[in-house]
Protein backbone atom coordinates (compact mmCIF):
# COMPACT_ATOMS: atom_id res chain seq x y z
CA UNK A 1 4.14 -5.80 2.15
CA UNK A 2 0.76 -5.41 0.49
CA UNK A 3 -2.13 -6.63 2.66
CA UNK A 4 -4.65 -8.24 0.30
CA UNK A 5 -7.11 -9.03 3.08
CA UNK A 6 -9.80 -6.47 2.22
CA UNK A 7 -11.79 -8.20 -0.51
CA UNK A 8 -14.92 -8.45 1.63
CA UNK A 9 -14.90 -4.68 2.15
CA UNK A 10 -14.85 -3.82 -1.57
CA UNK A 11 -17.47 -3.84 -4.28
CA UNK A 12 -16.70 -5.61 -7.56
CA UNK A 13 -15.83 -2.24 -9.13
CA UNK A 14 -13.51 -1.35 -6.24
CA UNK A 15 -11.82 -4.78 -6.47
CA UNK A 16 -11.17 -4.20 -10.19
CA UNK A 17 -9.64 -0.80 -9.42
CA UNK A 18 -7.59 -2.38 -6.65
CA UNK A 19 -6.27 -5.04 -9.05
CA UNK A 20 -5.23 -2.33 -11.54
CA UNK A 21 -3.45 -0.42 -8.78
CA UNK A 22 -1.70 -3.60 -7.62
CA UNK A 23 -0.52 -4.22 -11.18
CA UNK A 24 0.90 -0.67 -11.23
CA UNK A 25 2.55 -1.30 -7.85
CA UNK A 26 4.30 -4.36 -9.23
CA UNK A 27 5.42 -2.49 -12.38
CA UNK A 28 6.59 0.60 -10.45
CA UNK A 29 8.50 -1.53 -7.96
CA UNK A 30 10.13 -3.62 -10.67
CA UNK A 31 11.30 -0.55 -12.58
CA UNK A 32 12.65 1.34 -9.56
CA UNK A 33 16.36 1.88 -8.84
CA UNK A 34 15.97 0.36 -5.36
CA UNK A 35 12.94 -1.96 -5.46
CA UNK A 36 11.35 -3.68 -2.50
CA UNK A 37 11.23 -7.43 -2.16
CA UNK A 38 7.47 -7.23 -2.61
CA UNK A 39 5.17 -9.57 -0.67
CA UNK A 40 1.41 -9.79 -1.15
CA UNK A 41 -0.04 -11.30 2.05
CA UNK A 42 -3.52 -12.53 3.01
CA UNK A 43 -4.02 -13.53 -0.63
CA UNK A 44 -7.21 -15.38 -1.50
CA UNK A 45 -6.89 -16.58 -5.09
CA UNK A 46 -10.59 -17.21 -5.63
CA UNK A 47 -11.79 -13.75 -4.55
CA UNK A 48 -12.40 -10.65 -6.69
CA UNK A 49 -9.11 -8.79 -6.44
CA UNK A 50 -6.79 -11.71 -7.20
CA UNK A 51 -9.10 -12.99 -9.95
CA UNK A 52 -8.89 -9.56 -11.61
CA UNK A 53 -5.14 -9.24 -11.00
CA UNK A 54 -4.61 -12.63 -12.63
CA UNK A 55 -6.25 -11.23 -15.79
CA UNK A 56 -3.64 -8.43 -15.90
CA UNK A 57 -0.63 -10.54 -14.93
CA UNK A 58 -1.20 -14.09 -16.19
CA UNK A 59 1.99 -15.69 -14.79
CA UNK A 60 1.55 -14.12 -11.33
CA UNK A 61 1.17 -17.51 -9.62
CA UNK A 62 4.18 -19.11 -11.31
CA UNK A 63 7.13 -19.93 -9.03
CA UNK A 64 9.56 -18.01 -11.23
CA UNK A 65 7.49 -14.81 -11.14
CA UNK A 66 9.33 -12.03 -9.20
CA UNK A 67 6.62 -11.45 -6.59
CA UNK A 68 5.94 -13.28 -3.34
CA UNK A 69 2.30 -14.32 -2.90
CA UNK A 70 1.25 -15.62 0.52
CA UNK A 71 -2.08 -16.92 1.68
CA UNK A 72 -0.71 -16.43 5.19
CA UNK A 73 -0.77 -13.19 7.13
CA UNK A 74 2.33 -11.02 7.39
CA UNK A 75 2.13 -11.82 11.13
CA UNK A 76 3.06 -15.41 10.27
CA UNK A 77 5.93 -14.41 7.97
CA UNK A 78 7.71 -11.40 9.46
CA UNK A 79 8.77 -10.40 12.99
CA UNK A 80 5.95 -8.38 14.57
CA UNK A 81 8.44 -5.88 16.01
CA UNK A 82 9.43 -4.81 12.48
CA UNK A 83 5.90 -4.36 11.09
CA UNK A 84 4.46 -0.87 10.57
CA UNK A 85 0.98 -0.53 9.09
CA UNK A 86 0.60 2.57 6.94
CA UNK A 87 -2.83 4.07 7.59
CA UNK A 88 -3.97 7.65 7.00
CA UNK A 89 -6.27 7.46 10.03
CA UNK A 90 -3.69 7.12 12.82
CA UNK A 91 -2.05 9.85 14.90
CA UNK A 92 1.59 8.79 14.44
CA UNK A 93 3.38 10.38 11.47
CA UNK A 94 6.19 8.61 9.64
CA UNK A 95 9.02 11.13 9.89
CA UNK A 96 12.00 9.00 8.89
CA UNK A 97 12.31 5.81 6.90
CA UNK A 98 13.72 2.91 8.89
CA UNK A 99 15.34 0.24 6.70
CA UNK A 100 14.74 -2.38 9.41
CA UNK A 101 10.99 -1.79 9.41
CA UNK A 102 8.59 -3.63 7.14
CA UNK A 103 5.87 -1.30 5.91
CA UNK A 104 2.40 -2.63 5.17
CA UNK A 105 0.07 -1.02 2.63
CA UNK A 106 -3.54 -2.14 2.74
CA UNK A 107 -4.87 -3.20 -0.69
CA UNK A 108 -8.14 -1.37 -0.26
CA UNK A 109 -10.00 0.86 -2.67
CA UNK A 110 -12.78 2.57 -0.77
CA UNK A 111 -14.52 5.01 -3.07
CA UNK A 112 -16.78 6.24 -0.28
CA UNK A 113 -13.94 6.76 2.19
CA UNK A 114 -16.31 5.64 4.89
CA UNK A 115 -14.49 3.55 7.46
CA UNK A 116 -10.90 3.52 8.77
CA UNK A 117 -10.53 -0.22 8.13
CA UNK A 118 -6.72 -0.25 8.06
CA UNK A 119 -6.58 1.57 11.41
CA UNK A 120 -8.99 -0.93 12.96
CA UNK A 121 -7.00 -3.85 11.56
CA UNK A 122 -3.64 -2.51 12.79
CA UNK A 123 -5.09 -1.82 16.26
CA UNK A 124 -6.69 -5.26 16.41
CA UNK A 125 -3.36 -6.87 15.45
CA UNK A 126 -1.47 -4.62 17.90
CA UNK A 127 0.87 -3.31 15.21
CA UNK A 128 2.72 -0.04 15.06
CA UNK A 129 1.04 2.42 12.73
CA UNK A 130 2.10 5.49 10.81
CA UNK A 131 0.70 7.90 8.27
CA UNK A 132 2.64 9.68 5.57
CA UNK A 133 3.66 13.26 6.49
CA UNK A 134 1.41 14.79 3.84
CA UNK A 135 0.28 17.82 5.85
CA UNK A 136 3.82 18.70 6.91
CA UNK A 137 5.10 18.95 3.33
CA UNK A 138 2.09 19.72 1.11
CA UNK A 139 -0.49 22.49 0.76
CA UNK A 140 -3.79 20.88 -0.15
CA UNK A 141 -6.21 22.46 -2.58
CA UNK A 142 -9.67 23.43 -1.39
CA UNK A 143 -12.00 20.44 -1.47
CA UNK A 144 -9.33 17.95 -2.53
CA UNK A 145 -9.21 14.61 -0.78
CA UNK A 146 -6.04 13.36 0.84
CA UNK A 147 -6.64 9.83 -0.38
CA UNK A 148 -3.91 8.28 -2.51
CA UNK A 149 -3.95 5.22 -4.72
CA UNK A 150 -1.94 2.14 -3.76
CA UNK A 151 0.61 2.77 -6.50
CA UNK A 152 1.07 6.40 -5.40
CA UNK A 153 1.75 5.27 -1.83
CA UNK A 154 4.20 2.62 -3.04
CA UNK A 155 6.05 5.13 -5.25
CA UNK A 156 6.33 7.49 -2.28
CA UNK A 157 7.71 4.66 -0.13
CA UNK A 158 10.15 3.61 -2.87
CA UNK A 159 11.52 7.13 -3.16
CA UNK A 160 11.72 7.83 0.57
CA UNK A 161 13.72 4.61 0.92
CA UNK A 162 16.04 5.70 -1.90
CA UNK A 163 16.46 9.40 -1.08
CA UNK A 164 15.39 9.84 2.56
CA UNK A 165 13.90 13.14 1.34
CA UNK A 166 10.15 13.65 1.76
CA UNK A 167 10.13 16.57 -0.68
CA UNK A 168 11.41 14.24 -3.41
CA UNK A 169 9.23 11.30 -2.39
CA UNK A 170 6.01 13.29 -2.24
CA UNK A 171 6.21 14.38 -5.88
CA UNK A 172 3.98 11.36 -6.51
CA UNK A 173 1.00 13.13 -4.96
CA UNK A 174 -1.06 14.35 -7.94
CA UNK A 175 -0.64 18.09 -8.56
CA UNK A 176 -4.42 18.49 -9.02
CA UNK A 177 -4.82 17.85 -5.27
CA UNK A 178 -2.44 20.65 -4.29
CA UNK A 179 -2.58 24.44 -4.21
């Protein structure tokens, strides 16, 4: 699940970057050996991100298009007990992939890295949370940020689902960020 409910927290530039990353998410998912049944939730068609995404993927709103778009929240679509919000700001680390869980990635590009919005949202909605086990498997370069793009997170989640091997899944972290 991609949570598209962050438009108000992004500048126009960030929303354009978010739309590009969402387009890459769709393409990466579609071309993967074991793709997700991808759902974009909290979609607002008239706001910045979806307006930009519609420029990249013209038929995105067509019924035949292989992507589920929902104006509703994931809370209204999926069982709460299966939802896990992926947020880098929580304490819980995702150690193993559970095929029964439904993982949520927040569609947020925050160039300033200022506020843990996904953590606040998951807490407010009383959802389970997890962060990727980046520190357990990777040696970070001096001064590099641990922020990942939406498409990088999705590729990691696609590969952990397929291989159940974090070493293989985390190859999608850019080498320039590592020692």
